[in-house]
Protein backbone atom coordinates (compact mmCIF):
# COMPACT_ATOMS: atom_id res chain seq x y z
CA MET A 1 -0.04 0.03 -0.17
CA ASN A 2 1.01 3.60 -0.42
CA THR A 3 2.20 5.41 2.87
CA THR A 4 1.42 9.07 1.68
CA GLY A 5 -0.72 10.89 3.88
CA LYS A 6 -1.11 7.81 5.90
CA VAL A 7 -0.27 7.38 9.88
CA ILE A 8 2.86 4.97 9.46
CA ARG A 9 3.55 2.88 12.76
CA CYS A 10 7.10 1.86 13.60
CA ARG A 11 9.71 1.81 16.49
CA ALA A 12 11.16 4.26 18.31
CA ALA A 13 13.51 4.86 21.17
CA ILE A 14 11.42 7.29 23.87
CA HIS A 15 13.00 8.64 26.71
CA TRP A 16 9.75 8.51 28.90
CA LYS A 17 10.97 10.24 32.38
CA PRO A 18 14.23 11.69 33.99
CA GLY A 19 16.88 9.09 34.76
CA ALA A 20 15.19 6.23 32.92
CA PRO A 21 16.84 4.26 30.18
CA LEU A 22 15.50 5.08 26.58
CA ALA A 23 12.77 2.73 25.55
CA ILE A 24 11.88 1.04 22.13
CA GLU A 25 8.35 1.49 21.59
CA GLU A 26 6.01 0.86 18.93
CA ILE A 27 5.18 4.72 17.72
CA GLU A 28 2.91 6.02 15.29
CA VAL A 29 4.23 9.02 13.04
CA ALA A 30 1.75 11.35 11.38
CA PRO A 31 2.06 12.65 7.62
CA PRO A 32 3.92 15.77 7.02
CA LYS A 33 2.13 19.01 6.89
CA ALA A 34 2.92 22.05 4.76
CA LYS A 35 6.80 22.69 4.55
CA GLU A 36 7.28 19.33 6.27
CA VAL A 37 9.10 16.32 5.40
CA ARG A 38 8.74 12.73 6.54
CA ILE A 39 11.81 10.66 6.23
CA LYS A 40 12.84 6.95 7.00
CA ILE A 41 15.99 7.18 8.96
CA VAL A 42 18.29 4.84 7.55
CA ALA A 43 21.57 5.81 10.30
CA THR A 44 21.95 7.91 13.32
CA GLY A 45 24.92 8.75 15.39
CA LEU A 46 24.88 8.80 19.23
CA CYS A 47 26.25 12.14 20.06
CA GLY A 48 27.74 13.60 23.22
CA THR A 49 24.50 15.78 23.32
CA GLU A 50 22.31 12.89 24.31
CA MET A 51 24.87 11.36 26.55
CA LYS A 52 24.34 14.93 28.43
CA MET A 53 20.82 15.04 28.36
CA LEU A 54 20.54 11.56 29.77
CA ALA A 55 23.23 12.44 32.22
CA ASN A 56 21.24 15.75 33.27
CA PRO A 57 17.82 14.75 34.27
CA ASN A 58 16.93 18.56 34.32
CA SER A 59 18.66 19.28 30.72
CA HIS A 60 15.06 19.22 29.34
CA ASN A 61 11.29 19.10 30.37
CA ASN A 62 9.66 17.99 27.64
CA TYR A 63 8.66 14.10 28.34
CA PRO A 64 8.05 11.60 26.70
CA ILE A 65 10.54 12.50 23.99
CA ILE A 66 12.30 11.20 21.08
CA LEU A 67 16.05 12.14 21.20
CA GLY A 68 18.79 12.24 18.52
CA HIS A 69 20.01 14.52 15.84
CA GLU A 70 22.69 13.18 14.05
CA GLY A 71 20.82 11.49 11.06
CA ALA A 72 20.53 10.48 7.76
CA GLY A 73 17.66 8.96 5.44
CA ILE A 74 15.28 8.65 2.38
CA VAL A 75 12.63 10.88 2.08
CA GLU A 76 8.94 9.05 2.45
CA SER A 77 6.94 11.77 1.73
CA VAL A 78 6.51 15.58 1.47
CA GLY A 79 3.79 18.27 2.33
CA GLN A 80 1.99 20.93 0.72
CA GLY A 81 4.68 23.34 -0.55
CA VAL A 82 7.92 21.81 -0.24
CA SER A 83 10.23 22.34 -3.23
CA THR A 84 13.62 21.08 -2.33
CA VAL A 85 13.43 17.53 -1.94
CA LYS A 86 11.14 14.88 -3.09
CA THR A 87 10.17 11.33 -2.32
CA GLY A 88 13.35 9.02 -2.67
CA ASP A 89 16.17 11.70 -1.97
CA LYS A 90 18.59 10.70 0.21
CA VAL A 91 18.89 13.75 2.87
CA ILE A 92 20.66 14.60 6.29
CA THR A 93 19.02 15.59 9.02
CA LEU A 94 19.66 19.69 10.06
CA PHE A 95 19.28 20.37 14.25
CA LEU A 96 20.67 23.71 13.03
CA PRO A 97 17.78 25.09 10.10
CA GLN A 98 18.58 27.33 7.73
CA CYS A 99 15.38 29.28 6.78
CA GLY A 100 17.46 31.89 4.40
CA GLU A 101 15.20 34.75 5.50
CA CYS A 102 16.55 35.59 9.18
CA ALA A 103 19.32 37.82 10.03
CA SER A 104 21.51 34.90 10.84
CA CYS A 105 21.04 33.20 7.64
CA LEU A 106 21.36 36.58 5.45
CA ASN A 107 24.71 37.60 6.77
CA PRO A 108 28.08 36.01 5.32
CA GLY A 109 29.47 35.09 8.74
CA GLY A 110 26.05 33.75 10.24
CA ASN A 111 24.67 31.01 10.51
CA PHE A 112 22.83 30.60 14.02
CA CYS A 113 19.00 30.52 12.27
CA VAL A 114 16.45 32.05 14.53
CA GLN A 115 14.28 29.07 13.47
CA PHE A 116 16.37 26.99 15.43
CA LYS A 117 14.33 28.17 18.76
CA GLN A 118 11.18 26.63 17.97
CA SER A 119 13.25 23.10 18.81
CA LYS A 120 13.15 24.24 22.39
CA THR A 121 9.56 23.41 22.58
CA GLY A 122 9.47 20.26 21.16
CA LEU A 123 6.64 20.76 19.31
CA MET A 124 6.10 21.18 15.39
CA SER A 125 5.15 25.06 13.73
CA ASP A 126 1.58 24.58 14.57
CA GLY A 127 2.53 23.39 18.49
CA THR A 128 1.62 19.84 18.30
CA SER A 129 3.63 16.69 17.81
CA ARG A 130 3.55 14.32 14.41
CA PHE A 131 4.76 11.21 17.05
CA THR A 132 1.85 9.11 19.22
CA CYS A 133 2.79 6.42 21.45
CA LYS A 134 -0.10 4.65 23.57
CA GLY A 135 -2.27 6.95 22.73
CA LYS A 136 0.06 10.38 24.03
CA PRO A 137 1.61 12.98 22.47
CA VAL A 138 5.60 12.44 21.86
CA TYR A 139 7.81 15.44 21.78
CA HIS A 140 10.02 16.35 18.86
CA PHE A 141 14.15 17.45 20.06
CA GLY A 142 16.18 18.87 18.34
CA ASN A 143 14.28 19.78 14.96
CA THR A 144 15.16 16.15 14.23
CA SER A 145 14.49 13.10 16.39
CA THR A 146 16.36 10.54 14.49
CA PHE A 147 15.86 7.65 16.93
CA SER A 148 13.33 7.01 15.26
CA GLU A 149 12.35 4.79 12.07
CA TYR A 150 10.42 7.92 10.76
CA THR A 151 10.37 11.16 11.46
CA VAL A 152 8.72 14.37 10.51
CA ILE A 153 11.22 17.58 9.90
CA LYS A 154 10.84 20.91 8.70
CA GLU A 155 11.90 21.41 5.19
CA ILE A 156 14.41 23.82 6.43
CA SER A 157 16.01 21.17 8.57
CA VAL A 158 16.75 18.85 5.63
CA THR A 159 19.34 18.99 3.16
CA LYS A 160 19.38 16.69 -0.01
CA ILE A 161 22.64 14.67 -0.58
CA ASP A 162 24.63 12.65 -3.26
CA ALA A 163 22.23 9.64 -4.10
CA VAL A 164 25.30 7.05 -3.65
CA ALA A 165 26.52 8.41 -0.10
CA PRO A 166 26.61 6.00 1.92
CA LEU A 167 24.14 6.72 4.91
CA GLU A 168 25.90 4.79 7.63
CA LYS A 169 28.84 6.99 7.03
CA VAL A 170 27.89 10.90 6.31
CA CYS A 171 25.32 10.59 9.23
CA LEU A 172 28.00 11.96 11.35
CA ILE A 173 28.24 15.14 8.65
CA SER A 174 24.61 15.86 10.49
CA CYS A 175 26.68 16.71 13.53
CA GLY A 176 29.53 15.60 15.13
CA PHE A 177 32.23 15.85 12.03
CA SER A 178 30.47 19.11 10.62
CA THR A 179 31.15 20.63 14.35
CA GLY A 180 34.55 19.67 14.92
CA TYR A 181 36.08 19.83 11.31
CA GLY A 182 34.14 23.27 10.45
CA ALA A 183 35.46 25.18 13.90
CA ALA A 184 39.16 24.64 12.72
CA ILE A 185 38.29 25.59 9.01
CA THR A 186 35.08 27.94 9.21
CA THR A 187 35.20 29.64 12.80
CA ALA A 188 38.87 29.54 13.70
CA LYS A 189 40.26 29.88 10.30
CA VAL A 190 43.57 27.80 11.39
CA THR A 191 46.62 28.81 9.27
CA PRO A 192 49.09 26.60 7.16
CA GLY A 193 52.09 26.19 9.67
CA SER A 194 50.25 27.04 12.64
CA SER A 195 50.00 25.47 16.21
CA CYS A 196 46.97 24.39 17.55
CA ALA A 197 45.81 22.75 20.76
CA VAL A 198 42.64 20.66 21.01
CA PHE A 199 40.96 19.83 24.26
CA GLY A 200 38.92 17.05 24.89
CA LEU A 201 39.38 13.70 21.96
CA GLY A 202 36.13 12.08 21.37
CA GLY A 203 34.56 12.39 18.19
CA VAL A 204 34.20 16.10 17.73
CA GLY A 205 37.51 16.95 19.37
CA LEU A 206 39.08 14.34 16.88
CA SER A 207 37.37 16.10 14.00
CA VAL A 208 38.83 19.13 15.05
CA ILE A 209 41.89 17.79 14.75
CA MET A 210 41.03 16.68 10.92
CA GLY A 211 40.31 20.32 10.40
CA CYS A 212 43.17 21.26 11.81
CA LYS A 213 45.22 19.09 9.58
CA ALA A 214 43.27 19.96 6.55
CA ALA A 215 44.22 23.40 7.07
CA GLY A 216 48.09 23.03 7.37
CA ALA A 217 48.67 23.19 10.92
CA ALA A 218 52.03 22.43 11.36
CA ARG A 219 51.92 21.22 15.34
CA ILE A 220 48.60 19.73 16.60
CA ILE A 221 48.45 18.80 20.39
CA GLY A 222 45.88 16.25 21.88
CA VAL A 223 44.80 17.15 25.26
CA ASP A 224 42.83 14.64 27.03
CA ILE A 225 42.88 12.69 30.59
CA ASN A 226 42.27 9.34 28.70
CA LYS A 227 45.33 8.13 27.42
CA ASP A 228 43.49 5.26 25.40
CA LYS A 229 42.29 8.20 22.98
CA PHE A 230 46.20 9.22 22.02
CA GLU A 231 46.35 6.70 19.35
CA LYS A 232 43.19 7.39 17.33
CA ALA A 233 43.69 11.19 17.75
CA LYS A 234 47.57 10.68 16.14
CA GLU A 235 45.66 8.54 13.40
CA VAL A 236 43.60 11.28 12.46
CA GLY A 237 46.45 14.01 12.81
CA ALA A 238 47.49 14.97 16.37
CA THR A 239 51.19 15.26 16.28
CA GLU A 240 51.51 14.92 19.69
CA CYS A 241 49.28 14.25 23.05
CA ILE A 242 49.22 14.91 26.50
CA ASN A 243 47.73 14.05 29.69
CA PRO A 244 46.85 16.99 32.16
CA GLN A 245 46.96 14.40 35.19
CA ASP A 246 50.61 13.73 34.04
CA PHE A 247 51.85 16.97 35.13
CA GLU A 248 52.07 19.29 38.57
CA LYS A 249 51.86 22.61 36.77
CA PRO A 250 48.63 23.84 35.25
CA ILE A 251 48.14 22.67 31.49
CA GLN A 252 48.38 26.03 30.30
CA GLU A 253 51.94 26.37 31.54
CA VAL A 254 52.59 22.72 30.25
CA LEU A 255 51.61 24.26 26.41
CA PHE A 256 53.82 27.44 27.17
CA ASP A 257 56.79 25.58 27.72
CA MET A 258 56.10 22.82 25.05
CA THR A 259 55.52 25.71 22.30
CA GLY A 260 57.59 28.82 23.91
CA ALA A 261 54.78 31.31 23.59
CA GLY A 262 51.61 29.25 23.84
CA VAL A 263 49.20 27.67 20.75
CA GLU A 264 48.42 29.73 18.02
CA PHE A 265 44.86 27.89 18.07
CA CYS A 266 42.90 26.54 21.06
CA PHE A 267 39.93 24.38 20.92
CA GLU A 268 37.39 23.45 23.77
CA ALA A 269 35.78 20.47 22.68
CA ILE A 270 34.17 18.95 26.44
CA GLY A 271 31.93 21.79 27.33
CA ASN A 272 33.70 22.26 30.82
CA PRO A 273 33.91 25.89 31.98
CA ALA A 274 37.19 25.15 33.59
CA THR A 275 38.68 23.58 30.79
CA VAL A 276 37.59 26.56 28.79
CA THR A 277 39.93 28.90 30.94
CA ALA A 278 42.44 26.46 30.51
CA ALA A 279 42.39 26.69 26.90
CA LEU A 280 42.24 30.32 26.56
CA ALA A 281 45.24 30.70 28.93
CA SER A 282 47.01 28.19 26.39
CA CYS A 283 46.66 30.57 23.50
CA HIS A 284 49.50 32.69 22.41
CA GLU A 285 48.91 36.10 24.58
CA SER A 286 48.88 38.70 21.55
CA HIS A 287 47.07 36.51 18.50
CA GLY A 288 45.93 33.67 20.04
CA VAL A 289 42.46 32.25 19.09
CA CYS A 290 40.30 29.81 21.15
CA VAL A 291 37.05 28.21 20.15
CA ILE A 292 34.57 26.70 22.45
CA VAL A 293 32.90 23.74 20.34
CA GLY A 294 32.22 21.63 23.38
CA LEU A 295 28.51 22.19 24.54
CA LEU A 296 28.02 24.46 28.08
CA ALA A 297 25.11 23.43 30.19
CA ALA A 298 22.61 26.63 30.31
CA GLY A 299 23.55 29.02 32.66
CA THR A 300 27.05 28.18 33.15
CA GLN A 301 29.13 31.17 34.47
CA LEU A 302 32.89 31.23 33.02
CA ASN A 303 35.45 32.69 35.52
CA ILE A 304 38.34 34.07 33.24
CA SER A 305 40.47 36.79 34.40
CA GLY A 306 40.06 39.69 32.06
CA TRP A 307 44.21 40.39 31.88
CA LEU A 308 44.27 36.87 29.54
CA PHE A 309 42.58 39.72 27.01
CA PHE A 310 44.47 42.86 27.55
CA SER A 311 47.38 41.39 25.08
CA GLY A 312 44.88 40.18 22.14
CA ARG A 313 43.95 36.75 23.02
CA SER A 314 40.27 36.42 21.73
CA LEU A 315 37.63 33.81 22.67
CA LYS A 316 34.73 32.45 20.02
CA GLY A 317 31.97 30.31 20.28
CA SER A 318 31.00 28.08 17.49
CA VAL A 319 27.55 26.28 16.63
CA PHE A 320 27.71 23.72 13.86
CA GLY A 321 31.37 24.41 13.06
CA GLY A 322 30.17 27.71 11.45
CA TRP A 323 28.14 25.86 8.45
CA LYS A 324 25.44 27.16 6.78
CA SER A 325 23.57 24.02 7.25
CA ARG A 326 21.52 23.47 4.14
CA GLU A 327 24.19 25.05 1.57
CA ASP A 328 27.53 23.57 3.19
CA VAL A 329 26.05 20.04 4.42
CA SER A 330 25.55 18.67 0.65
CA LYS A 331 29.07 20.22 -0.14
CA LEU A 332 30.85 18.16 3.09
CA VAL A 333 29.18 15.16 1.35
CA SER A 334 30.78 15.56 -1.85
CA ASP A 335 33.86 16.19 -0.19
CA TYR A 336 33.58 12.99 1.58
CA MET A 337 32.53 11.53 -1.75
CA ALA A 338 35.75 12.92 -3.34
CA LYS A 339 37.74 11.41 -0.55
CA LYS A 340 39.05 14.82 0.73
CA PHE A 341 38.41 13.42 4.37
CA ASN A 342 38.06 10.14 6.00
CA LEU A 343 35.19 9.16 8.56
CA ASP A 344 35.96 5.47 9.40
CA PRO A 345 38.39 6.63 11.75
CA LEU A 346 35.50 8.29 14.05
CA ILE A 347 33.10 5.24 13.80
CA THR A 348 34.08 2.82 16.32
CA HIS A 349 31.04 0.55 16.95
CA THR A 350 28.16 0.23 14.81
CA LEU A 351 24.79 -1.67 16.45
CA ASN A 352 21.06 -1.37 15.73
CA LEU A 353 18.58 0.66 17.29
CA ASP A 354 17.54 -1.62 19.92
CA LYS A 355 21.21 -1.86 21.47
CA ILE A 356 20.85 1.67 22.00
CA ASN A 357 21.37 1.18 25.76
CA GLU A 358 23.90 -0.67 25.08
CA ALA A 359 25.41 2.14 22.99
CA VAL A 360 25.16 4.24 25.74
CA GLU A 361 27.09 2.51 27.83
CA LEU A 362 29.90 2.38 25.68
CA MET A 363 29.84 5.91 25.25
CA LYS A 364 30.53 6.27 29.13
CA THR A 365 33.38 4.09 29.10
CA GLY A 366 35.18 6.69 27.07
CA LYS A 367 36.13 3.92 24.45
CA CYS A 368 33.45 4.64 21.94
CA ILE A 369 34.15 7.20 19.65
CA ARG A 370 31.03 7.26 17.81
CA CYS A 371 28.36 4.36 17.96
CA VAL A 372 26.02 4.49 14.50
CA LEU A 373 22.79 3.11 15.34
CA LEU A 374 21.25 1.52 11.85
CA LEU A 375 17.27 1.94 11.81
CA SER A 376 16.60 -1.05 9.48
CA GLY A 377 14.14 -2.73 11.63
CA GLN A 378 10.93 -4.40 11.11
CA LEU A 379 8.02 -1.96 10.00
CA ILE A 380 4.87 -2.51 10.79
CA SER A 381 3.61 -0.83 7.61
CA GLY A 382 5.69 1.32 5.60
CA PHE A 383 8.06 1.02 2.29
CA CYS A 384 11.55 -0.52 1.55
CA PRO A 385 13.54 2.08 1.99
CA HIS A 386 16.18 0.25 -0.51
CA HIS A 387 14.05 -0.40 -3.18
CA PHE A 388 10.93 1.58 -2.96
CA ILE A 389 9.15 -1.92 -3.12
CA GLU A 390 5.67 -1.06 -1.01
CA ILE A 391 5.00 -3.91 1.81
CA VAL A 392 2.75 -4.67 4.93
CA LEU A 393 4.49 -7.07 7.20
CA ILE A 394 1.77 -9.12 8.94
């Protein structure tokens, strides 16, 4: 049967209440309304943002909710007025929309689309949800909700990509890779021959290293308290790695000793206020640039001496690596297809959706860089995403 315009029943990982594990449930996904797209999610990454949400029960107030924002899939149907994608297109989901009309979208140097704020409500533009479970509405997350076999997203949060791109790889371009890589390339604008330091060697931090290397940095120092990450960091481009716990002096003093004057570009990819301060203090005093890449909790206050800025250091924020999401992500996918960078080192585990809590535990150990979840489970009603053969499973 044709699913266009009809409710689809499928599986999703639902976060029912604070502190609870994610539960695999059967849900109903309503058809897309005007300017919306319904997508069959094929692959989604488990990002550090979700890890922070699960670790901090007060990080969001809307329950139940379907998390997930790092995804790739295939368009199942589109709502009225959608013109940039069509049924069958391969797409990347975008937690950061690009409406093309607000001040940020129109500014060549801005990308923080005003429509991002809509995601905080957990509802679509009309104030309702497209998800239902056990007769109750379920909230959306991050404009995307990719921990579901099907999801409904606004057109401004979707971009079409190369038809032969492997979705289980390029889903990382939906967030983690783009965020780190772009922080070096677009936000910091790392220069050839420069020195860099990256605090935090998770998926985003490793992507920062890849960006620094691509920009031609001569020295890239990885900083992390988990030495198990050093080998992977060097594999993607770090020239050396250090553990702050190995030294009696503050890490900023160690980096000054190593470089003679501080690093020219420093990146904080953890989201820890104390580490942000150390990263800024590690920068060259006259022209060092420090970029905050890690997600700081809402309300976090930074305790930074104003003296650090006197000589010329600068501190910058970065969201989604500074990319304009809809127009730049498709280009990044094309760059991946042209082998300009390799995503394989970032993917250390691949599991099915029903193993999502196992993936969460793997991330907690620090041994998992990125776990990609494959959402190819059995549909109750739907279509085959690979061949578009309509099916009904009995």
